[in-house]
N, C-alpha and C. Protein backbone atom coordinates (compact mmCIF):
# COMPACT_ATOMS: atom_id res chain seq x y z
N MET A 1 15.24 -6.57 -76.67
CA MET A 1 15.61 -5.35 -76.43
C MET A 1 16.74 -4.53 -77.18
N TYR A 2 17.78 -5.46 -77.14
CA TYR A 2 18.92 -5.22 -77.92
C TYR A 2 18.63 -4.69 -79.36
N GLU A 3 17.83 -5.59 -79.93
CA GLU A 3 17.35 -5.24 -81.39
C GLU A 3 16.89 -4.04 -81.67
N ALA A 4 16.08 -3.22 -80.73
CA ALA A 4 15.52 -2.10 -80.76
C ALA A 4 16.61 -1.13 -81.00
N HIS A 5 17.99 -1.33 -80.95
CA HIS A 5 18.88 -0.27 -80.85
C HIS A 5 20.08 -0.71 -81.65
N GLN A 6 19.87 -1.84 -82.30
CA GLN A 6 20.83 -2.28 -83.39
C GLN A 6 21.26 -1.51 -84.57
N GLY A 7 22.59 -1.22 -84.41
CA GLY A 7 22.91 -0.36 -85.61
C GLY A 7 23.08 1.09 -85.28
N GLN A 8 22.58 1.67 -83.90
CA GLN A 8 22.77 2.87 -83.74
C GLN A 8 24.19 2.97 -83.16
N LYS A 9 25.13 3.89 -83.31
CA LYS A 9 26.43 4.02 -82.89
C LYS A 9 26.59 5.56 -82.60
N PRO A 10 26.41 6.12 -81.55
CA PRO A 10 26.36 7.68 -81.35
C PRO A 10 27.74 7.90 -80.87
N TYR A 11 28.53 6.98 -80.49
CA TYR A 11 29.84 7.06 -79.54
C TYR A 11 30.96 6.83 -80.66
N GLY A 12 30.86 7.01 -82.08
CA GLY A 12 31.68 6.68 -82.98
C GLY A 12 31.39 5.39 -83.28
N THR A 13 32.21 4.28 -82.97
CA THR A 13 32.21 2.80 -83.51
C THR A 13 31.64 1.95 -82.42
N MET A 14 31.61 2.42 -81.12
CA MET A 14 30.84 1.63 -79.75
C MET A 14 29.28 1.29 -80.43
N PRO A 15 28.59 0.35 -80.19
CA PRO A 15 27.12 0.22 -80.55
C PRO A 15 26.40 1.06 -79.23
N TYR A 16 25.30 1.33 -79.47
CA TYR A 16 24.65 2.36 -78.65
C TYR A 16 24.01 1.50 -77.44
N PHE A 17 23.97 0.11 -77.66
CA PHE A 17 23.73 -0.68 -76.63
C PHE A 17 24.53 -0.79 -75.29
N ILE A 18 25.97 -0.29 -75.80
CA ILE A 18 26.76 -0.41 -74.67
C ILE A 18 26.50 0.98 -73.47
N HIS A 19 25.97 2.09 -74.16
CA HIS A 19 25.30 3.17 -73.34
C HIS A 19 24.34 2.30 -72.34
N LEU A 20 23.54 2.02 -72.86
CA LEU A 20 22.36 1.12 -72.11
C LEU A 20 23.03 0.44 -70.86
N LEU A 21 23.82 -0.39 -71.30
CA LEU A 21 24.36 -1.40 -70.47
C LEU A 21 25.27 -0.52 -69.34
N VAL A 22 25.98 0.59 -69.77
CA VAL A 22 26.71 1.50 -68.42
C VAL A 22 25.73 1.93 -67.71
N VAL A 23 24.73 2.52 -68.20
CA VAL A 23 23.79 3.16 -67.39
C VAL A 23 22.98 2.16 -66.62
N SER A 24 22.73 1.27 -66.69
CA SER A 24 22.35 0.29 -65.86
C SER A 24 23.09 -0.41 -64.98
N GLU A 25 24.24 -0.63 -65.16
CA GLU A 25 25.52 -0.82 -64.30
C GLU A 25 25.64 0.26 -63.30
N LEU A 26 25.71 1.63 -63.87
CA LEU A 26 25.86 2.65 -62.97
C LEU A 26 24.67 2.58 -61.69
N VAL A 27 23.59 2.18 -62.27
CA VAL A 27 22.29 2.50 -61.33
C VAL A 27 22.24 1.13 -60.24
N LYS A 28 23.00 -0.02 -60.68
CA LYS A 28 23.26 -1.26 -59.70
C LYS A 28 24.46 -0.68 -58.75
N MET A 29 25.55 -0.05 -59.43
CA MET A 29 26.78 0.22 -58.52
C MET A 29 26.31 1.41 -57.42
N PHE A 30 25.45 2.09 -57.76
CA PHE A 30 24.80 3.43 -56.74
C PHE A 30 23.77 2.89 -55.74
N GLY A 31 23.63 1.53 -56.29
CA GLY A 31 22.34 1.04 -54.99
C GLY A 31 20.96 0.88 -55.49
N GLY A 32 20.82 1.31 -56.77
CA GLY A 32 19.51 0.87 -57.26
C GLY A 32 19.00 -0.55 -57.27
N SER A 33 17.52 -0.58 -57.49
CA SER A 33 16.80 -1.85 -57.40
C SER A 33 16.88 -2.61 -58.87
N LEU A 34 16.48 -3.69 -58.69
CA LEU A 34 16.40 -4.34 -60.17
C LEU A 34 15.50 -3.86 -61.16
N ASP A 35 14.55 -3.44 -60.36
CA ASP A 35 13.73 -2.55 -61.35
C ASP A 35 14.42 -1.49 -61.94
N GLN A 36 14.86 -0.80 -61.34
CA GLN A 36 15.39 0.45 -61.67
C GLN A 36 16.64 0.24 -62.71
N SER A 37 17.28 -0.79 -62.52
CA SER A 37 18.55 -1.12 -63.31
C SER A 37 17.74 -1.53 -64.61
N ILE A 38 16.64 -2.38 -64.64
CA ILE A 38 16.10 -2.91 -66.10
C ILE A 38 15.57 -1.60 -66.61
N ALA A 39 14.96 -0.54 -65.93
CA ALA A 39 14.27 0.56 -66.63
C ALA A 39 15.61 1.21 -67.37
N ALA A 40 16.78 1.43 -66.46
CA ALA A 40 17.88 1.87 -67.49
C ALA A 40 18.11 1.29 -68.47
N LEU A 41 17.84 0.15 -68.89
CA LEU A 41 18.09 -0.60 -70.26
C LEU A 41 16.92 -0.09 -71.37
N TYR A 42 15.60 0.57 -70.41
CA TYR A 42 14.47 0.85 -71.46
C TYR A 42 14.60 2.16 -71.68
N HIS A 43 15.24 3.02 -71.14
CA HIS A 43 15.28 4.39 -70.92
C HIS A 43 15.28 5.24 -72.03
N ASP A 44 15.66 4.56 -73.17
CA ASP A 44 15.55 5.24 -74.61
C ASP A 44 14.83 4.72 -75.37
N PHE A 45 13.99 3.35 -74.94
CA PHE A 45 13.30 2.67 -75.87
C PHE A 45 12.14 3.37 -76.68
N MET A 46 11.33 4.23 -75.92
CA MET A 46 10.20 4.67 -76.51
C MET A 46 10.51 5.90 -77.43
N GLU A 47 11.67 6.61 -77.25
CA GLU A 47 11.90 7.75 -78.16
C GLU A 47 12.70 7.09 -79.23
N ASP A 48 13.51 6.05 -79.40
CA ASP A 48 13.96 5.58 -80.32
C ASP A 48 13.61 4.42 -81.02
N VAL A 49 12.53 4.00 -80.78
CA VAL A 49 11.60 2.54 -81.61
C VAL A 49 10.25 3.14 -82.14
N PRO A 50 10.44 3.27 -83.41
CA PRO A 50 9.08 3.86 -83.78
C PRO A 50 7.90 2.91 -83.33
N ASN A 51 7.01 3.75 -83.19
CA ASN A 51 5.74 3.17 -82.69
C ASN A 51 5.58 2.43 -81.24
N ALA A 52 6.62 2.46 -80.64
CA ALA A 52 6.69 1.83 -79.24
C ALA A 52 6.00 2.64 -78.23
N THR A 53 5.38 1.86 -77.51
CA THR A 53 4.38 2.16 -76.29
C THR A 53 4.68 2.02 -74.89
N PRO A 54 4.29 2.39 -73.80
CA PRO A 54 4.78 1.97 -72.36
C PRO A 54 4.16 0.63 -72.40
N ASP A 55 2.96 0.22 -73.08
CA ASP A 55 2.61 -1.08 -72.86
C ASP A 55 3.46 -2.16 -73.23
N ASP A 56 4.23 -1.74 -74.17
CA ASP A 56 5.52 -2.61 -74.93
C ASP A 56 6.31 -3.14 -73.72
N ILE A 57 6.73 -2.11 -72.84
CA ILE A 57 7.48 -2.40 -71.83
C ILE A 57 6.96 -3.05 -70.53
N VAL A 58 5.59 -2.84 -70.39
CA VAL A 58 4.91 -3.62 -69.56
C VAL A 58 4.79 -5.05 -69.77
N LYS A 59 4.73 -5.47 -71.21
CA LYS A 59 4.49 -6.74 -71.61
C LYS A 59 5.91 -7.38 -71.44
N ASP A 60 6.96 -6.50 -71.56
CA ASP A 60 8.19 -7.31 -71.47
C ASP A 60 8.85 -7.46 -70.19
N GLN A 61 8.37 -6.48 -69.19
CA GLN A 61 8.43 -6.44 -67.86
C GLN A 61 7.67 -6.04 -66.81
N ASN A 62 7.40 -4.99 -66.10
CA ASN A 62 6.37 -4.72 -65.38
C ASN A 62 5.76 -3.32 -65.32
N GLU A 63 5.00 -2.99 -64.62
CA GLU A 63 4.73 -1.49 -64.59
C GLU A 63 5.62 -0.47 -63.78
N HIS A 64 6.39 -1.37 -62.96
CA HIS A 64 7.43 -0.38 -62.31
C HIS A 64 8.28 0.29 -63.10
N VAL A 65 9.02 -0.90 -64.05
CA VAL A 65 10.24 -0.67 -64.91
C VAL A 65 9.52 0.38 -65.82
N MET A 66 8.25 0.21 -66.36
CA MET A 66 7.68 1.15 -67.38
C MET A 66 7.70 2.60 -66.88
N LEU A 67 6.97 2.79 -65.68
CA LEU A 67 7.11 4.10 -64.85
C LEU A 67 8.47 4.93 -64.96
N PHE A 68 9.29 3.93 -64.51
CA PHE A 68 10.46 4.38 -64.18
C PHE A 68 11.25 4.83 -65.80
N ALA A 69 10.93 4.24 -66.68
CA ALA A 69 11.40 4.45 -68.19
C ALA A 69 10.55 5.44 -68.38
N ARG A 70 9.31 5.72 -68.23
CA ARG A 70 8.65 6.89 -68.67
C ARG A 70 9.01 8.41 -68.13
N TYR A 71 9.61 8.21 -66.96
CA TYR A 71 9.99 9.67 -66.32
C TYR A 71 11.20 9.80 -67.18
N VAL A 72 12.11 9.14 -67.54
CA VAL A 72 13.39 9.66 -67.95
C VAL A 72 13.49 9.86 -69.48
N THR A 73 12.19 9.39 -70.19
CA THR A 73 12.45 9.28 -71.78
C THR A 73 11.83 10.71 -72.32
N ASP A 74 12.64 11.02 -73.37
CA ASP A 74 12.57 12.13 -74.12
C ASP A 74 11.33 11.93 -75.09
N ASP A 75 10.49 13.00 -75.18
CA ASP A 75 9.35 12.97 -76.15
C ASP A 75 9.80 13.04 -77.55
N PRO A 76 9.74 12.36 -78.56
CA PRO A 76 10.59 12.07 -79.87
C PRO A 76 10.08 13.43 -80.50
N ARG A 77 8.99 13.96 -80.55
CA ARG A 77 8.37 14.85 -81.29
C ARG A 77 8.95 16.24 -81.07
N LEU A 78 9.24 16.50 -79.98
CA LEU A 78 10.32 17.52 -79.52
C LEU A 78 11.55 17.86 -79.85
N THR A 79 11.96 19.05 -80.30
CA THR A 79 13.22 19.37 -80.89
C THR A 79 14.54 18.96 -79.79
N ARG A 80 15.73 18.62 -79.92
CA ARG A 80 16.59 18.37 -78.78
C ARG A 80 16.62 19.38 -77.86
N THR A 81 16.56 20.99 -78.18
CA THR A 81 16.58 21.69 -77.02
C THR A 81 15.31 21.76 -76.28
N GLU A 82 14.10 21.68 -76.96
CA GLU A 82 13.28 21.45 -75.87
C GLU A 82 13.18 20.15 -75.34
N GLN A 83 13.77 19.11 -75.76
CA GLN A 83 13.67 17.80 -74.56
C GLN A 83 14.65 18.24 -73.50
N LEU A 84 15.81 18.88 -73.65
CA LEU A 84 16.56 19.23 -72.65
C LEU A 84 15.79 20.45 -71.39
N ILE A 85 14.89 21.05 -72.18
CA ILE A 85 14.55 22.06 -71.19
C ILE A 85 13.07 21.53 -70.41
N GLU A 86 12.45 20.15 -71.07
CA GLU A 86 11.76 19.52 -70.47
C GLU A 86 12.30 18.24 -69.60
N GLN A 87 13.48 18.20 -69.70
CA GLN A 87 14.30 17.28 -68.70
C GLN A 87 14.54 17.78 -67.28
N VAL A 88 14.84 19.12 -67.53
CA VAL A 88 15.20 20.33 -66.13
C VAL A 88 13.84 20.20 -65.61
N SER A 89 12.93 20.55 -66.30
CA SER A 89 11.74 20.58 -65.75
C SER A 89 11.01 19.58 -64.97
N ARG A 90 11.04 18.43 -65.66
CA ARG A 90 10.90 17.24 -64.82
C ARG A 90 11.60 16.68 -64.01
N ALA A 91 13.06 16.98 -63.87
CA ALA A 91 13.94 16.45 -62.80
C ALA A 91 13.60 16.82 -61.61
N SER A 92 13.04 18.02 -61.18
CA SER A 92 12.83 18.29 -59.99
C SER A 92 11.70 17.68 -59.40
N THR A 93 10.82 16.95 -60.09
CA THR A 93 9.56 16.47 -59.51
C THR A 93 9.49 14.76 -59.83
N MET A 94 10.49 14.21 -60.55
CA MET A 94 10.15 13.00 -60.53
C MET A 94 10.64 12.20 -59.37
N PRO A 95 10.23 10.76 -59.22
CA PRO A 95 10.31 9.94 -58.25
C PRO A 95 11.75 9.90 -58.05
N ARG A 96 12.38 9.82 -56.71
CA ARG A 96 13.66 9.52 -56.71
C ARG A 96 14.01 8.35 -57.37
N GLU A 97 13.46 7.21 -57.62
CA GLU A 97 14.17 5.99 -58.28
C GLU A 97 14.08 6.40 -59.72
N ALA A 98 13.31 7.28 -60.33
CA ALA A 98 13.57 7.70 -61.79
C ALA A 98 14.68 8.65 -61.61
N ALA A 99 14.85 9.40 -60.75
CA ALA A 99 16.03 10.70 -60.84
C ALA A 99 17.35 9.83 -60.81
N LEU A 100 17.44 8.64 -60.00
CA LEU A 100 18.58 7.89 -60.14
C LEU A 100 19.09 7.53 -61.81
N ILE A 101 18.17 7.01 -62.11
CA ILE A 101 18.27 6.52 -63.48
C ILE A 101 18.64 7.83 -64.52
N LYS A 102 18.12 8.92 -64.14
CA LYS A 102 18.74 9.98 -64.82
C LYS A 102 19.93 10.82 -64.83
N VAL A 103 20.26 10.50 -63.42
CA VAL A 103 21.60 11.02 -63.07
C VAL A 103 22.69 10.08 -63.79
N CYS A 104 22.42 8.72 -63.58
CA CYS A 104 23.39 7.78 -64.10
C CYS A 104 23.20 7.98 -65.93
N ASP A 105 22.23 8.19 -66.26
CA ASP A 105 22.40 8.62 -67.74
C ASP A 105 23.20 9.82 -68.10
N VAL A 106 23.17 10.78 -67.29
CA VAL A 106 24.09 11.96 -67.60
C VAL A 106 25.32 11.38 -67.39
N ILE A 107 25.78 10.85 -66.34
CA ILE A 107 27.17 10.51 -65.85
C ILE A 107 27.55 9.63 -66.98
N CYS A 108 26.86 8.73 -67.45
CA CYS A 108 27.24 8.11 -68.80
C CYS A 108 27.79 8.91 -69.92
N HIS A 109 26.88 9.99 -70.26
CA HIS A 109 27.26 10.80 -71.34
C HIS A 109 28.40 11.43 -71.09
N PHE A 110 28.71 12.10 -69.96
CA PHE A 110 29.94 12.83 -69.63
C PHE A 110 31.13 11.75 -69.74
N MET A 111 30.93 10.42 -69.34
CA MET A 111 32.18 9.70 -69.33
C MET A 111 32.46 9.27 -70.70
N PHE A 112 31.58 9.19 -71.56
CA PHE A 112 31.59 8.93 -73.19
C PHE A 112 32.13 10.25 -73.66
N TRP A 113 31.63 11.40 -73.66
CA TRP A 113 31.93 12.63 -74.52
C TRP A 113 32.53 13.88 -73.56
N ARG A 114 33.16 13.46 -72.37
CA ARG A 114 33.57 14.64 -71.90
C ARG A 114 34.84 15.48 -72.67
N THR A 115 35.25 14.85 -73.44
CA THR A 115 36.07 15.85 -74.63
C THR A 115 35.63 15.68 -76.00
N GLY A 116 34.41 15.32 -75.92
CA GLY A 116 33.89 15.26 -77.33
C GLY A 116 33.43 16.53 -78.03
N PRO A 117 32.32 16.61 -78.98
CA PRO A 117 32.23 17.63 -79.87
C PRO A 117 30.97 18.46 -79.17
N LYS A 118 30.26 17.98 -78.09
CA LYS A 118 28.81 18.58 -77.56
C LYS A 118 29.24 20.03 -77.32
N SER A 119 28.25 21.05 -77.28
CA SER A 119 28.42 22.20 -77.13
C SER A 119 28.29 22.46 -75.72
N ARG A 120 28.64 23.53 -75.45
CA ARG A 120 28.88 24.06 -73.78
C ARG A 120 27.53 24.49 -73.54
N LYS A 121 26.43 24.90 -74.52
CA LYS A 121 25.03 25.27 -74.06
C LYS A 121 24.26 23.55 -73.88
N TYR A 122 24.88 22.86 -74.45
CA TYR A 122 24.24 21.17 -74.14
C TYR A 122 24.59 20.76 -72.90
N TRP A 123 25.93 21.10 -72.41
CA TRP A 123 26.39 20.56 -70.93
C TRP A 123 26.05 21.56 -70.02
N LYS A 124 25.57 22.69 -70.11
CA LYS A 124 24.91 23.70 -69.47
C LYS A 124 23.75 23.07 -68.90
N LYS A 125 22.99 22.54 -69.98
CA LYS A 125 21.59 22.23 -69.67
C LYS A 125 21.59 20.86 -68.87
N LYS A 126 22.74 20.01 -69.22
CA LYS A 126 22.61 18.56 -68.53
C LYS A 126 23.21 18.92 -66.97
N TYR A 127 23.66 19.79 -66.55
CA TYR A 127 23.91 20.54 -65.41
C TYR A 127 22.84 20.74 -64.40
N ALA A 128 22.08 21.58 -65.33
CA ALA A 128 20.77 22.05 -65.09
C ALA A 128 19.99 20.65 -64.51
N ILE A 129 20.07 19.63 -65.12
CA ILE A 129 19.20 18.46 -64.70
C ILE A 129 19.60 18.28 -63.35
N ILE A 130 20.86 17.81 -63.50
CA ILE A 130 21.64 17.29 -61.95
C ILE A 130 21.30 18.37 -60.71
N ASP A 131 21.14 19.77 -61.14
CA ASP A 131 21.02 20.84 -60.16
C ASP A 131 19.44 20.66 -59.60
N ALA A 132 18.62 20.38 -60.64
CA ALA A 132 17.10 20.29 -60.26
C ALA A 132 16.90 19.23 -59.33
N ILE A 133 17.73 17.99 -59.80
CA ILE A 133 17.38 16.83 -58.84
C ILE A 133 18.04 17.21 -57.63
N ARG A 134 19.31 17.63 -57.35
CA ARG A 134 20.15 17.89 -56.15
C ARG A 134 19.35 18.86 -55.13
N VAL A 135 18.84 19.81 -55.67
CA VAL A 135 17.95 20.88 -54.64
C VAL A 135 16.71 20.64 -54.41
N ARG A 136 16.26 19.51 -54.73
CA ARG A 136 14.85 18.70 -54.17
C ARG A 136 14.55 19.01 -52.77
N GLY A 137 15.81 19.01 -51.96
CA GLY A 137 15.19 19.10 -50.47
C GLY A 137 14.70 17.48 -49.85
N ASP A 138 14.82 16.64 -50.51
CA ASP A 138 14.22 15.46 -50.05
C ASP A 138 15.29 14.28 -49.80
N GLY A 139 16.43 15.08 -49.05
CA GLY A 139 17.57 14.17 -48.91
C GLY A 139 17.37 13.37 -47.61
N GLY A 140 17.99 13.60 -46.68
CA GLY A 140 18.03 12.62 -45.52
C GLY A 140 19.35 11.84 -45.47
N ALA A 141 19.28 10.45 -45.15
CA ALA A 141 20.38 9.93 -44.88
C ALA A 141 21.06 9.31 -46.52
N PRO A 142 22.09 9.45 -46.46
CA PRO A 142 22.93 9.31 -47.85
C PRO A 142 22.18 8.03 -48.57
N ASP A 143 21.66 7.88 -49.78
CA ASP A 143 20.97 7.04 -50.59
C ASP A 143 21.66 6.93 -52.04
N SER A 144 20.93 5.95 -52.88
CA SER A 144 21.59 5.60 -54.17
C SER A 144 21.64 7.10 -54.94
N LEU A 145 20.42 7.50 -54.83
CA LEU A 145 20.31 9.07 -55.37
C LEU A 145 21.73 9.96 -54.93
N SER A 146 21.64 10.42 -53.79
CA SER A 146 22.55 11.31 -53.51
C SER A 146 24.04 10.72 -53.84
N ARG A 147 24.22 9.42 -53.66
CA ARG A 147 25.67 8.94 -53.76
C ARG A 147 25.96 9.04 -55.40
N ALA A 148 24.80 8.99 -56.26
CA ALA A 148 24.87 9.33 -57.70
C ALA A 148 25.65 10.67 -58.05
N VAL A 149 24.71 11.61 -57.10
CA VAL A 149 25.03 13.00 -57.60
C VAL A 149 25.97 13.60 -57.03
N GLU A 150 26.68 12.93 -56.01
CA GLU A 150 27.65 13.42 -55.33
C GLU A 150 29.14 12.98 -56.26
N TYR A 151 28.90 11.59 -56.88
CA TYR A 151 29.80 10.95 -57.94
C TYR A 151 29.87 12.06 -58.89
N PHE A 152 28.93 12.63 -59.46
CA PHE A 152 28.81 13.16 -60.67
C PHE A 152 29.24 14.62 -60.40
N ASN A 153 29.30 15.28 -59.15
CA ASN A 153 29.75 16.46 -58.72
C ASN A 153 31.38 16.51 -58.67
N ASN A 154 31.87 15.21 -58.28
CA ASN A 154 33.27 14.87 -58.02
C ASN A 154 33.79 14.51 -59.61
N PHE A 155 33.29 13.70 -60.16
CA PHE A 155 33.79 13.46 -61.74
C PHE A 155 33.95 14.53 -62.41
N ILE A 156 32.90 15.65 -62.51
CA ILE A 156 32.74 16.94 -62.83
C ILE A 156 34.35 17.57 -62.90
N LYS A 157 34.54 17.85 -61.69
CA LYS A 157 35.76 18.55 -61.14
C LYS A 157 36.84 18.00 -61.54
N ASN A 158 37.07 16.83 -61.67
CA ASN A 158 38.28 15.94 -61.88
C ASN A 158 38.03 14.51 -62.73
N PRO A 159 37.63 14.80 -63.97
CA PRO A 159 37.24 13.73 -65.01
C PRO A 159 38.30 12.72 -65.03
N GLU A 160 39.92 13.44 -65.10
CA GLU A 160 40.58 12.33 -65.34
C GLU A 160 40.88 11.22 -64.12
N ASN A 161 40.58 11.62 -62.88
CA ASN A 161 40.42 10.50 -62.08
C ASN A 161 39.06 9.77 -61.74
N ASP A 162 38.88 9.68 -62.83
CA ASP A 162 37.31 8.97 -62.64
C ASP A 162 37.50 7.38 -62.25
N PRO A 163 37.05 7.14 -61.50
CA PRO A 163 37.40 5.51 -60.99
C PRO A 163 36.37 4.47 -61.70
N LEU A 164 35.17 5.19 -62.43
CA LEU A 164 34.42 3.98 -63.47
C LEU A 164 34.78 4.17 -64.76
N SER A 165 36.13 4.76 -65.07
CA SER A 165 36.28 4.68 -66.45
C SER A 165 36.41 3.23 -67.20
N TYR A 166 36.82 2.17 -66.23
CA TYR A 166 36.87 0.91 -66.77
C TYR A 166 35.75 0.46 -67.43
N LEU A 167 34.40 1.14 -67.22
CA LEU A 167 32.99 0.70 -67.73
C LEU A 167 33.12 1.05 -69.20
N ILE A 168 33.78 2.08 -69.77
CA ILE A 168 33.87 2.33 -71.32
C ILE A 168 35.23 2.15 -71.84
N GLU A 169 36.13 1.66 -70.93
CA GLU A 169 37.41 1.40 -71.83
C GLU A 169 37.44 0.20 -72.71
N SER A 170 38.14 0.10 -73.83
CA SER A 170 38.17 -0.70 -74.61
C SER A 170 38.94 -2.18 -74.17
N PRO A 171 38.50 -2.98 -74.46
CA PRO A 171 39.58 -4.45 -73.96
C PRO A 171 40.58 -3.96 -74.80
N ARG A 172 41.80 -4.53 -74.29
CA ARG A 172 43.21 -4.59 -74.97
C ARG A 172 43.55 -5.59 -75.45
């Protein structure tokens, strides 16, 4: 798994694999299952690894991990804008287990890039993904997904008081 993302550094000098670890850790912190946490490690696998297939994940892990990862994986044949539009469309219908991974992925992007060069339009689409998940109406008792969405909403309002910033801070 690590080898699949070796050499990628979208956050400056930080290896891309750190992003996958943080998303996986967020899934666990919000109460996700082991399969969800593992799927978080694979959530970019099929789009980033040439010729990767869902069967590759099944061989490494299991069917549940593959299904969760597929729901949050972008189609690499689409442009970035098309991928974001597809994410918003998919967010309202994906299973709650996969939606938790997606919310944690968006949280992680905000943690790393909250002051970065991403365009306002990009973040507006990311907000739309969370809104599509939030307004699904399948709430009920607080669960891992609703806790993650609540955290995201609080973090966006007050990012300097992020209680999870230790996940991305460099050791001193």
